[in-house]
């Protein structure tokens, strides 16, 4: 993969103070992890790729730079999964000089991995990173389904017309493409959602379900 060394920082984690399982029985011991001391691997040899993204500059929240490795600290200590599911952790995508640089890098990486028929699991990052992932499917002329679990639909207009974690759904909708095959919004709360937002979603054939509806009948999800 020509993108591999240029786009990723290797995984670097301290040894945990407390280990719940012998190392050979853990998730991390049974996957391929890109570290500074490992040779470059070929993602096409794997079925699932973990991709960390320490990017959150388009979100008012903080802590995104630490999120991928925080997830790894917990994930790596869980029990191993069947060996016939070959997984590679490619590391963290390097943050670009601008957010749009990170978007472009993520689209490039996702496009390459999808062409190799890998399932991509993203660790960390703010919600607006859904946009470059969506664009990878669009670039390949593939359809995808989108499931959003949130307390409100992220359709707010951005004052500066940039992509934002509170407006990423609006950006995807405005791209006017047939890439989106099915869209579902789960768990939104009525008092945080303007009726016009729900009208837009229903007009575009989203399936919005309120948190109260899910509590009454979880099987609807």
N, C-alpha and C. Protein backbone atom coordinates (compact mmCIF):
# COMPACT_ATOMS: atom_id res chain seq x y z
N UNK A 1 0.85 -1.20 0.00
CA UNK A 1 0.00 0.00 0.00
C UNK A 1 0.88 1.24 0.00
N UNK A 2 0.90 1.97 -1.08
CA UNK A 2 1.79 3.12 -1.19
C UNK A 2 1.42 4.24 -0.20
N UNK A 3 0.14 4.25 0.24
CA UNK A 3 -0.29 5.27 1.17
C UNK A 3 0.23 5.03 2.58
N UNK A 4 0.59 3.81 2.87
CA UNK A 4 0.82 3.38 4.25
C UNK A 4 1.84 4.24 5.00
N UNK A 5 3.10 4.34 4.55
CA UNK A 5 4.08 5.07 5.34
C UNK A 5 3.85 6.58 5.36
N UNK A 6 3.24 7.11 4.33
CA UNK A 6 3.07 8.55 4.22
C UNK A 6 1.87 9.07 5.00
N UNK A 7 0.88 8.26 5.20
CA UNK A 7 -0.38 8.72 5.78
C UNK A 7 -0.54 8.38 7.26
N UNK A 8 0.25 7.44 7.78
CA UNK A 8 0.00 6.94 9.13
C UNK A 8 1.18 7.13 10.08
N UNK A 9 0.85 7.45 11.33
CA UNK A 9 1.80 7.34 12.43
C UNK A 9 1.60 5.97 13.07
N UNK A 10 2.69 5.27 13.43
CA UNK A 10 2.54 3.94 14.03
C UNK A 10 1.90 4.01 15.41
N UNK A 11 1.35 2.89 15.83
CA UNK A 11 0.75 2.79 17.17
C UNK A 11 1.86 2.78 18.22
N UNK A 12 1.67 3.55 19.27
CA UNK A 12 2.64 3.59 20.37
C UNK A 12 1.87 3.70 21.68
N UNK A 13 1.78 2.59 22.40
CA UNK A 13 1.05 2.56 23.67
C UNK A 13 1.95 2.06 24.78
N UNK A 14 1.78 2.63 25.97
CA UNK A 14 2.49 2.12 27.14
C UNK A 14 1.85 0.81 27.59
N UNK A 15 2.66 -0.04 28.21
CA UNK A 15 2.13 -1.29 28.76
C UNK A 15 1.14 -0.97 29.87
N UNK A 16 -0.05 -1.56 29.86
CA UNK A 16 -1.06 -1.25 30.89
C UNK A 16 -0.59 -1.67 32.28
N UNK A 17 -0.99 -0.90 33.28
CA UNK A 17 -0.62 -1.22 34.66
C UNK A 17 -1.31 -2.49 35.14
N UNK A 18 -2.52 -2.70 34.66
CA UNK A 18 -3.29 -3.88 35.07
C UNK A 18 -3.75 -4.62 33.82
N UNK A 19 -3.43 -5.90 33.75
CA UNK A 19 -3.86 -6.71 32.61
C UNK A 19 -4.88 -7.74 33.10
N UNK A 20 -6.01 -7.81 32.42
CA UNK A 20 -7.10 -8.68 32.84
C UNK A 20 -6.96 -10.11 32.31
N UNK A 21 -6.20 -10.28 31.24
CA UNK A 21 -6.00 -11.59 30.62
C UNK A 21 -4.52 -11.79 30.31
N UNK A 22 -4.06 -13.04 30.28
CA UNK A 22 -2.70 -13.28 29.77
C UNK A 22 -2.58 -12.70 28.37
N UNK A 23 -1.45 -12.15 28.02
CA UNK A 23 -1.33 -11.41 26.77
C UNK A 23 -1.72 -12.24 25.55
N UNK A 24 -1.38 -13.51 25.52
CA UNK A 24 -1.68 -14.34 24.35
C UNK A 24 -3.18 -14.50 24.11
N UNK A 25 -3.99 -14.20 25.12
CA UNK A 25 -5.44 -14.35 25.00
C UNK A 25 -6.14 -13.02 24.70
N UNK A 26 -5.36 -11.95 24.52
CA UNK A 26 -5.96 -10.63 24.30
C UNK A 26 -6.17 -10.33 22.83
N UNK A 27 -7.01 -9.34 22.58
CA UNK A 27 -7.30 -8.88 21.22
C UNK A 27 -6.02 -8.44 20.52
N UNK A 28 -5.19 -7.65 21.22
CA UNK A 28 -4.01 -7.07 20.58
C UNK A 28 -2.98 -8.11 20.16
N UNK A 29 -2.91 -9.22 20.89
CA UNK A 29 -1.92 -10.25 20.57
C UNK A 29 -2.33 -11.08 19.37
N UNK A 30 -3.55 -10.91 18.92
CA UNK A 30 -4.05 -11.74 17.82
C UNK A 30 -4.44 -10.93 16.59
N UNK A 31 -3.90 -9.71 16.51
CA UNK A 31 -4.07 -8.90 15.31
C UNK A 31 -2.70 -8.37 14.90
N UNK A 32 -2.61 -7.84 13.71
CA UNK A 32 -1.39 -7.20 13.24
C UNK A 32 -1.45 -5.73 13.60
N UNK A 33 -0.42 -5.23 14.30
CA UNK A 33 -0.39 -3.83 14.72
C UNK A 33 0.81 -3.14 14.09
N UNK A 34 0.55 -2.03 13.43
CA UNK A 34 1.63 -1.23 12.85
C UNK A 34 2.30 -0.42 13.95
N UNK A 35 3.50 -0.83 14.32
CA UNK A 35 4.30 -0.09 15.29
C UNK A 35 5.59 0.35 14.63
N UNK A 36 6.37 1.15 15.34
CA UNK A 36 7.62 1.66 14.76
C UNK A 36 8.58 0.53 14.44
N UNK A 37 8.44 -0.60 15.11
CA UNK A 37 9.38 -1.70 14.90
C UNK A 37 8.91 -2.78 13.95
N UNK A 38 7.74 -2.61 13.33
CA UNK A 38 7.22 -3.65 12.43
C UNK A 38 7.42 -3.27 10.98
N UNK A 39 7.49 -4.28 10.14
CA UNK A 39 7.60 -4.04 8.71
C UNK A 39 6.24 -3.63 8.15
N UNK A 40 6.28 -2.92 7.05
CA UNK A 40 5.04 -2.51 6.39
C UNK A 40 4.27 -3.75 5.93
N UNK A 41 3.00 -3.80 6.26
CA UNK A 41 2.17 -4.94 5.87
C UNK A 41 1.29 -4.56 4.69
N UNK A 42 0.74 -5.55 4.05
CA UNK A 42 -0.16 -5.32 2.92
C UNK A 42 -1.60 -5.48 3.40
N UNK A 43 -2.36 -4.39 3.47
CA UNK A 43 -3.73 -4.47 3.98
C UNK A 43 -4.61 -5.46 3.24
N UNK A 44 -4.32 -5.72 1.98
CA UNK A 44 -5.15 -6.65 1.20
C UNK A 44 -5.14 -8.06 1.79
N UNK A 45 -4.17 -8.35 2.66
CA UNK A 45 -4.10 -9.67 3.31
C UNK A 45 -5.07 -9.78 4.49
N UNK A 46 -5.78 -8.69 4.81
CA UNK A 46 -6.64 -8.66 5.99
C UNK A 46 -8.09 -8.39 5.60
N UNK A 47 -8.97 -8.62 6.56
CA UNK A 47 -10.41 -8.41 6.32
C UNK A 47 -10.92 -7.12 6.95
N UNK A 48 -10.26 -6.71 8.04
CA UNK A 48 -10.70 -5.52 8.78
C UNK A 48 -9.49 -4.63 9.05
N UNK A 49 -9.66 -3.32 8.86
CA UNK A 49 -8.59 -2.36 9.15
C UNK A 49 -9.06 -1.37 10.21
N UNK A 50 -8.28 -1.24 11.28
CA UNK A 50 -8.53 -0.21 12.29
C UNK A 50 -7.75 1.04 11.89
N UNK A 51 -8.42 2.17 11.89
CA UNK A 51 -7.80 3.43 11.49
C UNK A 51 -8.09 4.48 12.55
N UNK A 52 -7.05 4.97 13.21
CA UNK A 52 -7.22 6.02 14.21
C UNK A 52 -7.17 7.39 13.56
N UNK A 53 -8.02 8.31 14.04
CA UNK A 53 -8.05 9.67 13.49
C UNK A 53 -8.10 10.67 14.65
N UNK A 54 -6.96 11.23 15.03
CA UNK A 54 -6.93 12.21 16.12
C UNK A 54 -7.29 13.61 15.64
N UNK A 55 -8.48 13.77 15.12
CA UNK A 55 -8.89 15.03 14.50
C UNK A 55 -10.23 15.50 15.06
N UNK A 56 -10.28 16.74 15.52
CA UNK A 56 -11.53 17.27 16.03
C UNK A 56 -11.61 18.78 15.95
N UNK A 57 -10.87 19.36 15.02
CA UNK A 57 -10.82 20.82 14.94
C UNK A 57 -12.14 21.45 14.50
N UNK A 58 -13.03 20.67 13.91
CA UNK A 58 -14.32 21.21 13.50
C UNK A 58 -15.42 20.88 14.51
N UNK A 59 -15.02 20.62 15.73
CA UNK A 59 -15.99 20.34 16.79
C UNK A 59 -15.71 21.24 17.98
N UNK A 60 -16.75 21.71 18.68
CA UNK A 60 -16.53 22.52 19.88
C UNK A 60 -16.03 21.70 21.06
N UNK A 61 -16.12 20.39 20.97
CA UNK A 61 -15.64 19.53 22.06
C UNK A 61 -14.13 19.39 21.98
N UNK A 62 -13.54 18.84 23.03
CA UNK A 62 -12.08 18.67 23.08
C UNK A 62 -11.74 17.20 23.35
N UNK A 63 -10.46 16.87 23.22
CA UNK A 63 -9.99 15.53 23.55
C UNK A 63 -9.87 14.58 22.40
N UNK A 64 -10.16 15.03 21.17
CA UNK A 64 -10.14 14.12 20.03
C UNK A 64 -8.74 13.62 19.70
N UNK A 65 -7.72 14.41 19.99
CA UNK A 65 -6.35 13.99 19.69
C UNK A 65 -5.96 12.76 20.50
N UNK A 66 -6.56 12.60 21.67
CA UNK A 66 -6.25 11.46 22.54
C UNK A 66 -7.17 10.27 22.32
N UNK A 67 -8.28 10.49 21.64
CA UNK A 67 -9.33 9.47 21.55
C UNK A 67 -8.89 8.14 20.95
N UNK A 68 -8.18 8.11 19.79
CA UNK A 68 -7.84 6.80 19.21
C UNK A 68 -7.06 5.90 20.16
N UNK A 69 -6.06 6.45 20.83
CA UNK A 69 -5.25 5.61 21.72
C UNK A 69 -5.99 5.26 23.01
N UNK A 70 -6.90 6.11 23.45
CA UNK A 70 -7.72 5.77 24.61
C UNK A 70 -8.62 4.58 24.28
N UNK A 71 -9.17 4.57 23.08
CA UNK A 71 -9.99 3.43 22.65
C UNK A 71 -9.13 2.18 22.58
N UNK A 72 -7.93 2.32 22.02
CA UNK A 72 -7.02 1.16 21.91
C UNK A 72 -6.67 0.58 23.28
N UNK A 73 -6.43 1.45 24.26
CA UNK A 73 -6.05 0.98 25.59
C UNK A 73 -7.09 0.01 26.14
N UNK A 74 -8.36 0.30 25.89
CA UNK A 74 -9.43 -0.59 26.36
C UNK A 74 -9.62 -1.77 25.42
N UNK A 75 -9.65 -1.51 24.12
CA UNK A 75 -9.90 -2.56 23.13
C UNK A 75 -8.83 -3.64 23.16
N UNK A 76 -7.59 -3.24 23.28
CA UNK A 76 -6.48 -4.20 23.23
C UNK A 76 -6.50 -5.19 24.38
N UNK A 77 -7.18 -4.84 25.48
CA UNK A 77 -7.21 -5.74 26.63
C UNK A 77 -8.41 -6.68 26.63
N UNK A 78 -9.28 -6.55 25.65
CA UNK A 78 -10.42 -7.46 25.58
C UNK A 78 -9.99 -8.82 25.05
N UNK A 79 -10.88 -9.79 25.14
CA UNK A 79 -10.55 -11.16 24.74
C UNK A 79 -10.36 -11.25 23.23
N UNK A 80 -9.49 -12.14 22.82
CA UNK A 80 -9.20 -12.35 21.40
C UNK A 80 -10.46 -12.82 20.68
N UNK A 81 -10.46 -12.63 19.38
CA UNK A 81 -11.56 -13.09 18.54
C UNK A 81 -11.04 -14.20 17.64
N UNK A 82 -11.92 -14.93 16.94
CA UNK A 82 -11.45 -16.04 16.10
C UNK A 82 -10.36 -15.61 15.13
N UNK A 83 -9.34 -16.44 14.99
CA UNK A 83 -8.20 -16.10 14.16
C UNK A 83 -8.54 -16.01 12.68
N UNK A 84 -9.65 -16.58 12.28
CA UNK A 84 -9.99 -16.51 10.85
C UNK A 84 -10.46 -15.12 10.44
N UNK A 85 -10.67 -14.21 11.42
CA UNK A 85 -10.97 -12.82 11.12
C UNK A 85 -9.67 -12.04 11.23
N UNK A 86 -9.04 -11.79 10.12
CA UNK A 86 -7.72 -11.16 10.12
C UNK A 86 -7.87 -9.64 10.19
N UNK A 87 -7.29 -9.06 11.24
CA UNK A 87 -7.44 -7.63 11.51
C UNK A 87 -6.07 -6.97 11.54
N UNK A 88 -5.99 -5.77 10.98
CA UNK A 88 -4.76 -4.98 11.04
C UNK A 88 -5.10 -3.60 11.60
N UNK A 89 -4.27 -3.15 12.54
CA UNK A 89 -4.38 -1.78 13.05
C UNK A 89 -3.31 -0.96 12.34
N UNK A 90 -3.74 -0.09 11.46
CA UNK A 90 -2.80 0.67 10.63
C UNK A 90 -2.16 1.84 11.36
N UNK A 91 -2.67 2.20 12.53
CA UNK A 91 -2.14 3.35 13.25
C UNK A 91 -3.06 4.55 13.11
N UNK A 92 -2.51 5.74 13.35
CA UNK A 92 -3.29 6.97 13.29
C UNK A 92 -2.97 7.76 12.03
N UNK A 93 -4.00 8.19 11.32
CA UNK A 93 -3.78 9.07 10.18
C UNK A 93 -3.18 10.38 10.68
N UNK A 94 -2.12 10.81 10.02
CA UNK A 94 -1.45 12.05 10.42
C UNK A 94 -2.39 13.24 10.22
N UNK A 95 -2.44 14.11 11.21
CA UNK A 95 -3.28 15.30 11.10
C UNK A 95 -2.70 16.24 10.07
N UNK A 96 -3.55 16.73 9.17
CA UNK A 96 -3.09 17.65 8.15
C UNK A 96 -2.90 19.05 8.70
N UNK A 97 -2.30 19.90 7.89
CA UNK A 97 -2.12 21.29 8.30
C UNK A 97 -3.47 21.96 8.52
N UNK A 98 -4.44 21.57 7.71
CA UNK A 98 -5.81 22.05 7.88
C UNK A 98 -6.73 20.84 8.03
N UNK A 99 -7.96 21.08 8.46
CA UNK A 99 -8.93 20.00 8.57
C UNK A 99 -9.20 19.39 7.20
N UNK A 100 -9.26 20.21 6.17
CA UNK A 100 -9.51 19.69 4.83
C UNK A 100 -8.39 18.77 4.36
N UNK A 101 -7.16 19.01 4.83
CA UNK A 101 -6.05 18.10 4.51
C UNK A 101 -6.31 16.73 5.14
N UNK A 102 -6.80 16.73 6.38
CA UNK A 102 -7.13 15.46 7.03
C UNK A 102 -8.27 14.77 6.31
N UNK A 103 -9.28 15.53 5.91
CA UNK A 103 -10.38 14.97 5.12
C UNK A 103 -9.85 14.26 3.87
N UNK A 104 -8.97 14.95 3.14
CA UNK A 104 -8.45 14.39 1.89
C UNK A 104 -7.67 13.11 2.15
N UNK A 105 -6.88 13.10 3.23
CA UNK A 105 -6.11 11.90 3.57
C UNK A 105 -7.03 10.74 3.91
N UNK A 106 -8.07 11.01 4.70
CA UNK A 106 -9.00 9.94 5.08
C UNK A 106 -9.74 9.40 3.86
N UNK A 107 -10.15 10.27 2.95
CA UNK A 107 -10.81 9.80 1.73
C UNK A 107 -9.88 8.92 0.91
N UNK A 108 -8.61 9.33 0.78
CA UNK A 108 -7.63 8.52 0.04
C UNK A 108 -7.46 7.14 0.66
N UNK A 109 -7.27 7.12 1.98
CA UNK A 109 -7.06 5.86 2.69
C UNK A 109 -8.29 4.97 2.59
N UNK A 110 -9.47 5.54 2.85
CA UNK A 110 -10.70 4.76 2.80
C UNK A 110 -10.95 4.21 1.40
N UNK A 111 -10.68 5.00 0.38
CA UNK A 111 -10.86 4.55 -1.00
C UNK A 111 -9.97 3.35 -1.29
N UNK A 112 -8.71 3.44 -0.87
CA UNK A 112 -7.76 2.34 -1.10
C UNK A 112 -8.20 1.07 -0.38
N UNK A 113 -8.63 1.21 0.87
CA UNK A 113 -9.03 0.04 1.65
C UNK A 113 -10.32 -0.58 1.12
N UNK A 114 -11.27 0.25 0.71
CA UNK A 114 -12.52 -0.27 0.14
C UNK A 114 -12.27 -1.01 -1.17
N UNK A 115 -11.33 -0.51 -1.96
CA UNK A 115 -10.98 -1.20 -3.20
C UNK A 115 -10.41 -2.58 -2.93
N UNK A 116 -9.78 -2.73 -1.76
CA UNK A 116 -9.22 -4.02 -1.36
C UNK A 116 -10.24 -4.85 -0.58
N UNK A 117 -11.47 -4.36 -0.52
CA UNK A 117 -12.59 -5.07 0.13
C UNK A 117 -12.40 -5.26 1.63
N UNK A 118 -11.77 -4.30 2.29
CA UNK A 118 -11.64 -4.33 3.74
C UNK A 118 -12.81 -3.59 4.39
N UNK A 119 -13.19 -4.06 5.58
CA UNK A 119 -14.11 -3.31 6.42
C UNK A 119 -13.29 -2.33 7.25
N UNK A 120 -13.71 -1.08 7.28
CA UNK A 120 -12.94 -0.04 7.97
C UNK A 120 -13.61 0.29 9.30
N UNK A 121 -12.83 0.25 10.38
CA UNK A 121 -13.32 0.65 11.70
C UNK A 121 -12.52 1.87 12.13
N UNK A 122 -13.19 3.00 12.27
CA UNK A 122 -12.52 4.26 12.62
C UNK A 122 -12.53 4.44 14.13
N UNK A 123 -11.37 4.77 14.69
CA UNK A 123 -11.24 5.04 16.13
C UNK A 123 -11.03 6.53 16.32
N UNK A 124 -11.92 7.15 17.11
CA UNK A 124 -11.75 8.56 17.42
C UNK A 124 -12.27 9.48 16.34
N UNK A 125 -12.02 10.76 16.51
CA UNK A 125 -12.43 11.76 15.54
C UNK A 125 -13.84 12.28 15.79
N UNK A 126 -14.10 13.49 15.32
CA UNK A 126 -15.41 14.10 15.47
C UNK A 126 -16.35 13.64 14.36
N UNK A 127 -17.63 13.95 14.51
CA UNK A 127 -18.65 13.41 13.61
C UNK A 127 -18.49 13.85 12.16
N UNK A 128 -17.89 15.02 11.95
CA UNK A 128 -17.74 15.52 10.58
C UNK A 128 -16.82 14.64 9.73
N UNK A 129 -16.08 13.73 10.36
CA UNK A 129 -15.22 12.82 9.60
C UNK A 129 -16.05 11.77 8.85
N UNK A 130 -17.35 11.74 9.12
CA UNK A 130 -18.25 10.92 8.30
C UNK A 130 -18.21 11.39 6.84
N UNK A 131 -17.98 12.68 6.63
CA UNK A 131 -18.01 13.26 5.28
C UNK A 131 -16.92 12.66 4.38
N UNK A 132 -15.64 12.66 4.78
CA UNK A 132 -14.63 12.06 3.90
C UNK A 132 -14.80 10.56 3.72
N UNK A 133 -15.36 9.87 4.71
CA UNK A 133 -15.64 8.44 4.53
C UNK A 133 -16.74 8.26 3.48
N UNK A 134 -17.77 9.08 3.57
CA UNK A 134 -18.85 9.04 2.59
C UNK A 134 -18.31 9.32 1.18
N UNK A 135 -17.37 10.25 1.08
CA UNK A 135 -16.83 10.62 -0.23
C UNK A 135 -16.00 9.49 -0.85
N UNK A 136 -15.45 8.63 -0.01
CA UNK A 136 -14.73 7.47 -0.54
C UNK A 136 -15.69 6.54 -1.28
N UNK A 137 -16.86 6.30 -0.69
CA UNK A 137 -17.88 5.48 -1.37
C UNK A 137 -18.35 6.17 -2.65
N UNK A 138 -18.54 7.48 -2.57
CA UNK A 138 -18.98 8.24 -3.74
C UNK A 138 -17.94 8.16 -4.86
N UNK A 139 -16.68 8.26 -4.50
CA UNK A 139 -15.59 8.20 -5.48
C UNK A 139 -15.57 6.86 -6.21
N UNK A 140 -15.92 5.80 -5.49
CA UNK A 140 -15.92 4.46 -6.07
C UNK A 140 -17.26 4.08 -6.70
N UNK A 141 -18.21 5.03 -6.67
CA UNK A 141 -19.55 4.78 -7.22
C UNK A 141 -20.23 3.60 -6.52
N UNK A 142 -20.02 3.52 -5.20
CA UNK A 142 -20.65 2.48 -4.40
C UNK A 142 -21.74 3.10 -3.52
N UNK A 143 -22.72 2.29 -3.17
CA UNK A 143 -23.74 2.76 -2.24
C UNK A 143 -23.36 2.36 -0.81
N UNK A 144 -23.90 3.08 0.15
CA UNK A 144 -23.66 2.74 1.55
C UNK A 144 -24.90 3.11 2.36
N UNK A 145 -24.98 2.55 3.56
CA UNK A 145 -26.05 2.89 4.49
C UNK A 145 -25.46 3.70 5.63
N UNK A 146 -26.22 4.62 6.16
CA UNK A 146 -25.74 5.49 7.23
C UNK A 146 -26.66 5.37 8.44
N UNK A 147 -26.08 4.95 9.57
CA UNK A 147 -26.80 4.89 10.84
C UNK A 147 -26.20 5.93 11.77
N UNK A 148 -27.02 6.85 12.24
CA UNK A 148 -26.58 7.89 13.16
C UNK A 148 -27.33 7.73 14.48
N UNK A 149 -26.58 7.62 15.58
CA UNK A 149 -27.18 7.56 16.91
C UNK A 149 -26.80 8.84 17.62
N UNK A 150 -27.76 9.73 17.80
CA UNK A 150 -27.45 11.07 18.32
C UNK A 150 -28.69 11.66 18.96
N UNK A 151 -28.47 12.65 19.84
CA UNK A 151 -29.63 13.27 20.49
C UNK A 151 -30.29 14.34 19.63
N UNK A 152 -29.67 14.65 18.48
CA UNK A 152 -30.26 15.60 17.54
C UNK A 152 -29.67 15.37 16.15
N UNK A 153 -30.41 15.66 15.10
CA UNK A 153 -29.86 15.53 13.76
C UNK A 153 -28.90 16.69 13.47
N UNK A 154 -27.73 16.38 12.95
CA UNK A 154 -26.71 17.41 12.72
C UNK A 154 -26.93 18.07 11.36
N UNK A 155 -27.93 18.96 11.35
CA UNK A 155 -28.32 19.64 10.12
C UNK A 155 -28.18 21.15 10.22
N UNK A 156 -27.56 21.64 11.29
CA UNK A 156 -27.45 23.08 11.47
C UNK A 156 -26.59 23.69 10.38
N UNK A 157 -27.00 24.82 9.82
CA UNK A 157 -26.15 25.49 8.82
C UNK A 157 -24.91 26.06 9.49
N UNK A 158 -23.76 25.90 8.84
CA UNK A 158 -22.52 26.44 9.37
C UNK A 158 -22.37 27.89 8.93
N UNK A 159 -22.09 28.82 9.84
CA UNK A 159 -22.01 30.24 9.49
C UNK A 159 -20.98 30.54 8.40
N UNK A 160 -19.85 29.80 8.43
CA UNK A 160 -18.79 30.07 7.45
C UNK A 160 -18.82 29.09 6.28
N UNK A 161 -19.91 28.31 6.18
CA UNK A 161 -20.11 27.35 5.09
C UNK A 161 -19.07 26.22 5.08
N UNK A 162 -18.38 26.02 6.19
CA UNK A 162 -17.43 24.91 6.29
C UNK A 162 -18.15 23.69 6.87
N UNK A 163 -17.52 22.53 6.75
CA UNK A 163 -18.09 21.33 7.35
C UNK A 163 -17.88 21.40 8.86
N UNK A 164 -18.84 20.98 9.62
CA UNK A 164 -18.79 21.09 11.07
C UNK A 164 -19.45 19.86 11.66
N UNK A 165 -19.05 19.51 12.88
CA UNK A 165 -19.62 18.31 13.50
C UNK A 165 -21.12 18.45 13.73
N UNK A 166 -21.63 19.68 13.80
CA UNK A 166 -23.07 19.89 13.98
C UNK A 166 -23.82 20.03 12.66
N UNK A 167 -23.09 19.94 11.53
CA UNK A 167 -23.75 20.14 10.23
C UNK A 167 -23.36 19.08 9.21
N UNK A 168 -22.73 17.97 9.66
CA UNK A 168 -22.20 17.02 8.70
C UNK A 168 -23.29 16.36 7.86
N UNK A 169 -24.47 16.14 8.46
CA UNK A 169 -25.57 15.56 7.69
C UNK A 169 -26.03 16.50 6.57
N UNK A 170 -26.04 17.78 6.86
CA UNK A 170 -26.41 18.77 5.85
C UNK A 170 -25.43 18.71 4.68
N UNK A 171 -24.13 18.60 5.00
CA UNK A 171 -23.11 18.54 3.95
C UNK A 171 -23.32 17.32 3.07
N UNK A 172 -23.57 16.17 3.68
CA UNK A 172 -23.78 14.94 2.91
C UNK A 172 -25.02 15.05 2.04
N UNK A 173 -26.10 15.59 2.60
CA UNK A 173 -27.34 15.74 1.84
C UNK A 173 -27.14 16.68 0.65
N UNK A 174 -26.38 17.76 0.87
CA UNK A 174 -26.20 18.76 -0.19
C UNK A 174 -25.33 18.25 -1.34
N UNK A 175 -24.64 17.14 -1.12
CA UNK A 175 -23.82 16.60 -2.21
C UNK A 175 -24.67 15.94 -3.29
N UNK A 176 -25.95 15.73 -3.01
CA UNK A 176 -26.92 15.25 -4.01
C UNK A 176 -26.37 14.09 -4.83
N UNK A 177 -26.24 12.96 -4.18
CA UNK A 177 -25.70 11.78 -4.83
C UNK A 177 -26.56 10.57 -4.49
N UNK A 178 -26.47 9.54 -5.29
CA UNK A 178 -27.20 8.30 -5.04
C UNK A 178 -26.38 7.33 -4.19
N UNK A 179 -25.25 7.81 -3.67
CA UNK A 179 -24.39 6.95 -2.85
C UNK A 179 -25.11 6.45 -1.61
N UNK A 180 -25.95 7.30 -1.01
CA UNK A 180 -26.63 6.96 0.24
C UNK A 180 -27.85 6.09 -0.07
N UNK A 181 -27.74 4.81 0.28
CA UNK A 181 -28.80 3.84 -0.01
C UNK A 181 -29.89 3.87 1.05
N UNK A 182 -29.49 3.92 2.32
CA UNK A 182 -30.44 3.92 3.43
C UNK A 182 -29.87 4.76 4.56
N UNK A 183 -30.73 5.52 5.23
CA UNK A 183 -30.28 6.41 6.30
C UNK A 183 -31.22 6.28 7.49
N UNK A 184 -30.64 6.11 8.67
CA UNK A 184 -31.44 5.94 9.89
C UNK A 184 -30.86 6.83 10.98
N UNK A 185 -31.73 7.55 11.67
CA UNK A 185 -31.34 8.37 12.82
C UNK A 185 -32.03 7.82 14.05
N UNK A 186 -31.25 7.37 15.03
CA UNK A 186 -31.80 6.78 16.25
C UNK A 186 -31.51 7.67 17.45
N UNK A 187 -32.50 7.79 18.32
CA UNK A 187 -32.29 8.37 19.64
C UNK A 187 -32.37 9.87 19.73
N UNK A 188 -32.86 10.55 18.69
CA UNK A 188 -32.93 12.01 18.80
C UNK A 188 -34.01 12.40 19.81
N UNK A 189 -33.82 13.58 20.41
CA UNK A 189 -34.74 14.05 21.44
C UNK A 189 -35.52 15.26 20.92
N UNK A 190 -36.83 15.19 21.08
CA UNK A 190 -37.73 16.18 20.48
C UNK A 190 -37.38 17.60 20.92
N UNK A 191 -37.04 17.79 22.20
CA UNK A 191 -36.83 19.14 22.71
C UNK A 191 -35.51 19.76 22.24
N UNK A 192 -34.67 18.96 21.59
CA UNK A 192 -33.42 19.48 21.03
C UNK A 192 -33.47 19.58 19.51
N UNK A 193 -34.63 19.28 18.93
CA UNK A 193 -34.72 19.16 17.48
C UNK A 193 -35.83 20.04 16.92
N UNK A 194 -35.48 20.91 16.00
CA UNK A 194 -36.48 21.74 15.33
C UNK A 194 -37.28 20.88 14.35
N UNK A 195 -38.58 21.15 14.27
CA UNK A 195 -39.45 20.34 13.40
C UNK A 195 -38.99 20.38 11.95
N UNK A 196 -38.43 21.50 11.52
CA UNK A 196 -37.99 21.60 10.12
C UNK A 196 -36.91 20.58 9.81
N UNK A 197 -36.08 20.24 10.82
CA UNK A 197 -35.03 19.24 10.61
C UNK A 197 -35.64 17.86 10.36
N UNK A 198 -36.67 17.51 11.13
CA UNK A 198 -37.34 16.22 10.94
C UNK A 198 -38.04 16.18 9.59
N UNK A 199 -38.65 17.30 9.20
CA UNK A 199 -39.31 17.36 7.90
C UNK A 199 -38.31 17.10 6.77
N UNK A 200 -37.12 17.67 6.90
CA UNK A 200 -36.08 17.47 5.88
C UNK A 200 -35.69 16.00 5.82
N UNK A 201 -35.48 15.38 6.98
CA UNK A 201 -35.06 13.98 7.02
C UNK A 201 -36.12 13.07 6.40
N UNK A 202 -37.37 13.30 6.75
CA UNK A 202 -38.44 12.45 6.22
C UNK A 202 -38.61 12.66 4.72
N UNK A 203 -38.43 13.88 4.26
CA UNK A 203 -38.52 14.17 2.83
C UNK A 203 -37.43 13.42 2.06
N UNK A 204 -36.28 13.24 2.71
CA UNK A 204 -35.14 12.56 2.07
C UNK A 204 -35.11 11.07 2.41
N UNK A 205 -36.21 10.56 2.96
CA UNK A 205 -36.37 9.13 3.25
C UNK A 205 -35.43 8.63 4.35
N UNK A 206 -35.05 9.51 5.28
CA UNK A 206 -34.39 9.05 6.50
C UNK A 206 -35.46 8.37 7.36
N UNK A 207 -35.01 7.49 8.25
CA UNK A 207 -35.92 6.86 9.21
C UNK A 207 -35.58 7.39 10.60
N UNK A 208 -36.19 8.49 11.05
CA UNK A 208 -35.87 9.03 12.38
C UNK A 208 -36.71 8.38 13.48
N UNK A 209 -36.04 7.96 14.55
CA UNK A 209 -36.75 7.37 15.70
C UNK A 209 -36.31 8.10 16.97
N UNK A 210 -37.29 8.65 17.70
CA UNK A 210 -36.99 9.36 18.93
C UNK A 210 -36.50 8.39 20.02
N UNK A 211 -35.78 8.95 20.99
CA UNK A 211 -35.30 8.15 22.11
C UNK A 211 -36.47 7.50 22.85
N UNK A 212 -37.56 8.24 23.03
CA UNK A 212 -38.73 7.69 23.71
C UNK A 212 -39.33 6.51 22.96
N UNK A 213 -39.35 6.59 21.63
CA UNK A 213 -39.88 5.48 20.83
C UNK A 213 -39.01 4.23 20.99
N UNK A 214 -37.71 4.43 21.07
CA UNK A 214 -36.81 3.28 21.25
C UNK A 214 -36.98 2.65 22.62
N UNK A 215 -37.18 3.48 23.63
CA UNK A 215 -37.37 2.95 24.98
C UNK A 215 -38.66 2.14 25.07
N UNK A 216 -39.68 2.58 24.36
CA UNK A 216 -40.95 1.85 24.37
C UNK A 216 -40.87 0.53 23.63
N UNK A 217 -40.07 0.51 22.58
CA UNK A 217 -39.98 -0.70 21.74
C UNK A 217 -38.60 -0.77 21.10
N UNK A 218 -37.63 -1.32 21.81
CA UNK A 218 -36.25 -1.34 21.33
C UNK A 218 -36.10 -2.16 20.05
N UNK A 219 -37.03 -3.08 19.82
CA UNK A 219 -36.94 -3.92 18.62
C UNK A 219 -37.11 -3.10 17.34
N UNK A 220 -37.65 -1.90 17.45
CA UNK A 220 -37.83 -1.05 16.27
C UNK A 220 -36.49 -0.61 15.69
N UNK A 221 -35.44 -0.67 16.50
CA UNK A 221 -34.12 -0.27 16.00
C UNK A 221 -33.52 -1.36 15.12
